[in-house]
Amino acid sequence: MHQHDSDPTRQQAGGATATVRILLVEDDEAIRRSVGMALDRYGYEVSAAPDGLTGLEMFRDGQHDLLLLDVMLPHLDGIGLCRRIRETSQAPVLMMSARGDSLDVVAGLEAGADDYVVKPVDTTVLVARIRTLLRRATFTGPPRAGSRHSDDGAVLAFRNLSVDTRGLEVRVDGEPLALTPTELRLLLEFVAAPGIVLERQTLLRKVWDYGWDGDSRVVDLAVQRLRRKIGAENIETVRGFGYKFRR
């Protein structure tokens, strides 16, 4: 492993950088130690908790750039912990599951997780997913073409929804709407191409940085969460293909 393969810093005001802080919640001591050491070698600052309630307390007491949660945790499982985190925070959440095809993965994504990795964790894959989530969290959207814009070319308006692609602000019926970085990035892809069908694999590639072998469930569940926030009528399912944002 080489630390320069991933940038473990984040931008602060004035252009300064700070080390990325990750909260790891894992009850298996061996996994907790090995994952923590691996991330430390990549330059990340890792805080670790052995159970969900301790993880929730550490989350509330500190400021973390990303949360890495095991699904199966004592006292408060990873799914319940993710739900509690989403009550107050839009920070990126990456779930760890022992089985990639388990219902736990779906439950975690429904609870608000952005993505998941399968245990035993491949460090290269884990760091790549972390890097993608952090990049998404600091994403600055370019002005988009092809829709109704405000005078400054940044705000796109659709029915009761407005999206400021420069300020990265979303409003529904004039009220500000909080979205996770993944939900915001997904919405930006939709509003950039209103009326055009976007296939799941296209969204996996553009939003999650997956190749063609990604899990399309992450798309479906993220779209479900986004629909609940902006209105189901804004995103149409095109059966057998993908999704289309209504003009």
Protein backbone atom coordinates (compact mmCIF):
# COMPACT_ATOMS: atom_id res chain seq x y z
CA MET A 1 0.00 0.00 0.00
CA HIS A 2 1.11 3.51 -0.77
CA GLN A 3 -0.24 6.52 1.01
CA HIS A 4 -0.09 8.70 -2.07
CA ASP A 5 -2.66 6.47 -3.81
CA SER A 6 -5.41 8.25 -1.86
CA ASP A 7 -5.65 11.82 -0.63
CA PRO A 8 -6.48 11.63 3.11
CA THR A 9 -7.09 15.38 3.45
CA ARG A 10 -10.08 17.65 3.02
CA GLN A 11 -10.25 21.31 2.06
CA GLN A 12 -10.98 23.90 4.72
CA ALA A 13 -11.86 27.55 4.45
CA GLY A 14 -9.01 29.57 2.98
CA GLY A 15 -7.63 26.60 1.05
CA ALA A 16 -6.06 24.86 4.07
CA THR A 17 -6.32 21.10 4.40
CA ALA A 18 -7.07 18.85 7.35
CA THR A 19 -6.72 15.12 7.83
CA VAL A 20 -9.91 13.19 7.09
CA ARG A 21 -11.50 11.77 10.25
CA ILE A 22 -13.25 8.40 10.01
CA LEU A 23 -15.41 6.77 12.68
CA LEU A 24 -15.16 2.97 12.48
CA VAL A 25 -17.82 0.99 14.36
CA GLU A 26 -17.03 -2.75 14.40
CA ASP A 27 -17.51 -5.28 17.20
CA ASP A 28 -14.89 -7.79 16.00
CA GLU A 29 -11.65 -6.65 17.63
CA ALA A 30 -9.41 -8.26 15.00
CA ILE A 31 -11.29 -6.62 12.12
CA ARG A 32 -11.50 -3.31 13.96
CA ARG A 33 -7.76 -3.34 14.51
CA SER A 34 -6.78 -4.47 11.00
CA VAL A 35 -9.09 -2.03 9.21
CA GLY A 36 -8.05 0.80 11.52
CA MET A 37 -4.36 0.10 10.92
CA ALA A 38 -4.87 -0.12 7.17
CA LEU A 39 -6.68 3.23 7.04
CA ASP A 40 -4.06 4.76 9.30
CA ARG A 41 -1.35 3.70 6.84
CA TYR A 42 -3.27 5.56 4.13
CA GLY A 43 -3.15 8.68 6.27
CA TYR A 44 -6.67 8.74 7.65
CA GLU A 45 -7.39 9.59 11.28
CA VAL A 46 -9.49 6.72 12.62
CA SER A 47 -11.58 6.58 15.79
CA ALA A 48 -13.00 3.13 16.62
CA ALA A 49 -15.99 1.92 18.63
CA PRO A 50 -16.87 -1.69 19.55
CA ASP A 51 -20.68 -1.35 19.55
CA GLY A 52 -23.48 0.79 18.20
CA LEU A 53 -24.25 2.80 21.32
CA THR A 54 -20.60 3.71 21.85
CA GLY A 55 -20.39 4.60 18.17
CA LEU A 56 -23.43 6.86 18.48
CA GLU A 57 -21.92 8.60 21.50
CA MET A 58 -18.59 9.12 19.68
CA PHE A 59 -20.43 10.41 16.63
CA ARG A 60 -22.30 12.96 18.73
CA ASP A 61 -19.16 14.04 20.60
CA GLY A 62 -16.90 14.46 17.57
CA GLN A 63 -16.77 15.74 14.03
CA HIS A 64 -16.22 12.96 11.52
CA ASP A 65 -15.93 13.22 7.75
CA LEU A 66 -17.10 9.66 7.10
CA LEU A 67 -18.62 6.77 9.06
CA LEU A 68 -17.75 3.12 8.47
CA LEU A 69 -20.34 0.89 10.13
CA ASP A 70 -20.62 -2.86 10.49
CA VAL A 71 -24.17 -4.14 10.01
CA MET A 72 -24.13 -6.60 12.93
CA LEU A 73 -23.36 -4.70 16.13
CA PRO A 74 -24.28 -5.29 19.80
CA HIS A 75 -26.64 -2.95 21.69
CA LEU A 76 -27.52 -0.93 18.56
CA ASP A 77 -26.99 -2.52 15.16
CA GLY A 78 -25.46 -0.71 12.20
CA ILE A 79 -28.82 -0.16 10.53
CA GLY A 80 -30.30 1.46 13.63
CA LEU A 81 -27.12 3.48 14.10
CA CYS A 82 -27.29 4.71 10.51
CA ARG A 83 -30.88 5.83 11.03
CA ARG A 84 -29.90 7.74 14.19
CA ILE A 85 -27.02 9.41 12.35
CA ARG A 86 -29.31 10.45 9.50
CA GLU A 87 -31.57 12.27 11.96
CA THR A 88 -28.93 14.98 12.34
CA SER A 89 -26.19 14.44 9.75
CA GLN A 90 -25.71 13.99 6.01
CA ALA A 91 -22.12 12.72 6.44
CA PRO A 92 -21.13 9.86 4.11
CA VAL A 93 -21.91 6.41 5.55
CA LEU A 94 -20.29 3.22 4.28
CA MET A 95 -21.68 -0.09 5.56
CA MET A 96 -19.74 -3.33 6.00
CA SER A 97 -21.63 -6.58 5.48
CA ALA A 98 -20.50 -10.20 5.80
CA ARG A 99 -22.67 -11.21 2.83
CA GLY A 100 -23.03 -9.06 -0.26
CA ASP A 101 -26.41 -10.59 -1.16
CA SER A 102 -27.93 -10.35 2.32
CA LEU A 103 -31.05 -8.42 3.24
CA ASP A 104 -28.81 -6.48 5.62
CA VAL A 105 -27.32 -4.64 2.65
CA VAL A 106 -30.75 -3.52 1.47
CA ALA A 107 -31.78 -2.51 4.99
CA GLY A 108 -28.58 -0.50 5.42
CA LEU A 109 -29.07 1.36 2.14
CA GLU A 110 -32.72 2.01 2.99
CA ALA A 111 -31.60 3.44 6.34
CA GLY A 112 -29.54 6.05 4.50
CA ALA A 113 -26.13 4.47 3.87
CA ASP A 114 -24.40 5.64 0.70
CA ASP A 115 -22.65 2.39 -0.24
CA TYR A 116 -21.38 -0.89 1.20
CA VAL A 117 -18.38 -3.21 1.14
CA VAL A 118 -18.33 -6.95 1.76
CA LYS A 119 -16.27 -8.58 4.51
CA PRO A 120 -13.57 -9.75 4.57
CA VAL A 121 -12.72 -6.23 3.50
CA ASP A 122 -10.31 -5.70 0.62
CA THR A 123 -8.30 -2.64 1.67
CA THR A 124 -7.85 -1.43 -1.90
CA VAL A 125 -11.61 -1.57 -2.52
CA LEU A 126 -12.37 0.04 0.84
CA VAL A 127 -10.04 2.98 0.25
CA ALA A 128 -11.42 3.45 -3.26
CA ARG A 129 -14.98 3.61 -1.91
CA ILE A 130 -13.94 6.01 0.85
CA ARG A 131 -12.17 8.24 -1.64
CA THR A 132 -15.26 8.29 -3.89
CA LEU A 133 -17.61 9.17 -1.02
CA LEU A 134 -15.35 11.95 0.21
CA ARG A 135 -14.98 13.36 -3.30
CA ARG A 136 -18.76 13.32 -3.65
CA ALA A 137 -19.11 15.12 -0.30
CA THR A 138 -16.92 17.99 -1.54
CA PHE A 139 -18.35 17.98 -5.07
CA THR A 140 -18.80 21.36 -6.74
CA GLY A 141 -21.37 21.14 -9.49
CA PRO A 142 -20.88 22.92 -12.80
CA PRO A 143 -23.68 24.94 -14.35
CA ARG A 144 -25.92 22.62 -16.34
CA ALA A 145 -27.37 23.21 -19.80
CA GLY A 146 -30.71 22.29 -21.30
CA SER A 147 -33.18 23.44 -18.62
CA ARG A 148 -34.74 26.66 -17.37
CA HIS A 149 -32.05 28.71 -15.68
CA SER A 150 -32.02 31.78 -13.52
CA ASP A 151 -30.24 34.91 -14.71
CA ASP A 152 -26.91 33.66 -13.35
CA GLY A 153 -27.32 30.34 -15.16
CA ALA A 154 -27.06 28.29 -12.00
CA VAL A 155 -30.59 27.58 -10.77
CA LEU A 156 -32.69 24.95 -12.55
CA ALA A 157 -36.45 25.01 -11.94
CA PHE A 158 -38.82 22.07 -12.30
CA ARG A 159 -42.39 22.38 -10.97
CA ASN A 160 -42.04 22.71 -7.17
CA LEU A 161 -38.31 21.92 -7.24
CA SER A 162 -35.32 24.24 -7.71
CA VAL A 163 -31.67 23.18 -7.84
CA ASP A 164 -28.79 25.63 -7.50
CA THR A 165 -25.98 23.81 -9.28
CA ARG A 166 -23.31 26.26 -8.11
CA GLY A 167 -24.39 26.78 -4.52
CA LEU A 168 -25.51 23.12 -4.36
CA GLU A 169 -28.78 24.07 -2.71
CA VAL A 170 -32.08 22.32 -3.31
CA ARG A 171 -35.51 23.71 -2.48
CA VAL A 172 -38.95 22.10 -2.55
CA ASP A 173 -41.87 24.53 -2.50
CA GLY A 174 -39.35 27.21 -1.61
CA GLU A 175 -38.10 25.41 1.49
CA PRO A 176 -34.45 24.25 1.71
CA LEU A 177 -34.00 20.48 1.50
CA ALA A 178 -31.16 18.52 3.12
CA LEU A 179 -29.71 15.79 0.90
CA THR A 180 -26.82 13.43 1.46
CA PRO A 181 -23.87 13.91 -0.92
CA THR A 182 -24.98 10.80 -2.83
CA GLU A 183 -28.57 12.01 -3.15
CA LEU A 184 -27.38 15.44 -4.30
CA ARG A 185 -25.00 13.98 -6.88
CA LEU A 186 -27.79 11.70 -8.13
CA LEU A 187 -30.20 14.62 -8.41
CA LEU A 188 -27.63 16.66 -10.34
CA GLU A 189 -27.33 13.82 -12.87
CA PHE A 190 -31.10 13.76 -13.27
CA VAL A 191 -31.63 17.51 -13.67
CA ALA A 192 -28.76 17.68 -16.18
CA ALA A 193 -30.71 15.36 -18.47
CA PRO A 194 -34.46 15.92 -18.01
CA GLY A 195 -36.61 13.63 -20.12
CA ILE A 196 -33.70 11.29 -20.88
CA VAL A 197 -33.63 7.72 -19.60
CA LEU A 198 -30.57 7.08 -17.43
CA GLU A 199 -29.67 3.42 -17.07
CA ARG A 200 -28.73 2.07 -13.66
CA GLN A 201 -25.23 1.18 -14.81
CA THR A 202 -24.75 4.71 -16.14
CA LEU A 203 -25.73 6.12 -12.75
CA LEU A 204 -23.44 3.62 -10.99
CA ARG A 205 -20.55 4.83 -13.10
CA LYS A 206 -21.27 8.56 -12.76
CA VAL A 207 -22.42 8.76 -9.15
CA TRP A 208 -20.71 5.83 -7.44
CA ASP A 209 -17.64 5.47 -9.71
CA TYR A 210 -18.43 1.80 -10.25
CA GLY A 211 -17.52 -0.14 -13.36
CA TRP A 212 -20.07 -2.31 -15.11
CA ASP A 213 -20.20 -4.92 -12.33
CA GLY A 214 -21.67 -2.68 -9.64
CA ASP A 215 -24.70 -3.55 -7.53
CA SER A 216 -27.75 -1.82 -9.02
CA ARG A 217 -29.53 -2.02 -5.65
CA VAL A 218 -27.58 1.00 -4.45
CA VAL A 219 -29.12 2.99 -7.31
CA ASP A 220 -32.68 1.76 -6.73
CA LEU A 221 -32.59 2.46 -3.01
CA ALA A 222 -30.94 5.87 -3.42
CA VAL A 223 -33.64 6.78 -5.95
CA GLN A 224 -36.30 5.67 -3.46
CA ARG A 225 -34.83 7.93 -0.78
CA LEU A 226 -34.55 10.83 -3.22
CA ARG A 227 -38.16 10.39 -4.34
CA ARG A 228 -39.36 10.59 -0.75
CA LYS A 229 -37.60 13.95 -0.40
CA ILE A 230 -38.35 15.67 -3.72
CA GLY A 231 -41.63 13.97 -4.66
CA ALA A 232 -42.12 10.63 -6.38
CA GLU A 233 -43.73 12.31 -9.39
CA ASN A 234 -40.42 13.92 -10.38
CA ILE A 235 -38.61 10.66 -11.17
CA GLU A 236 -40.20 8.10 -13.46
CA THR A 237 -39.21 4.42 -13.53
CA VAL A 238 -38.65 3.11 -17.05
CA ARG A 239 -39.11 -0.61 -16.53
CA GLY A 240 -36.22 -2.70 -17.78
CA PHE A 241 -33.99 0.34 -18.39
CA GLY A 242 -33.63 2.80 -15.53
CA TYR A 243 -35.03 6.17 -14.51
CA LYS A 244 -36.09 9.41 -16.14
CA PHE A 245 -36.43 12.86 -14.58
CA ARG A 246 -39.66 14.54 -15.69
CA ARG A 247 -39.26 17.74 -17.67
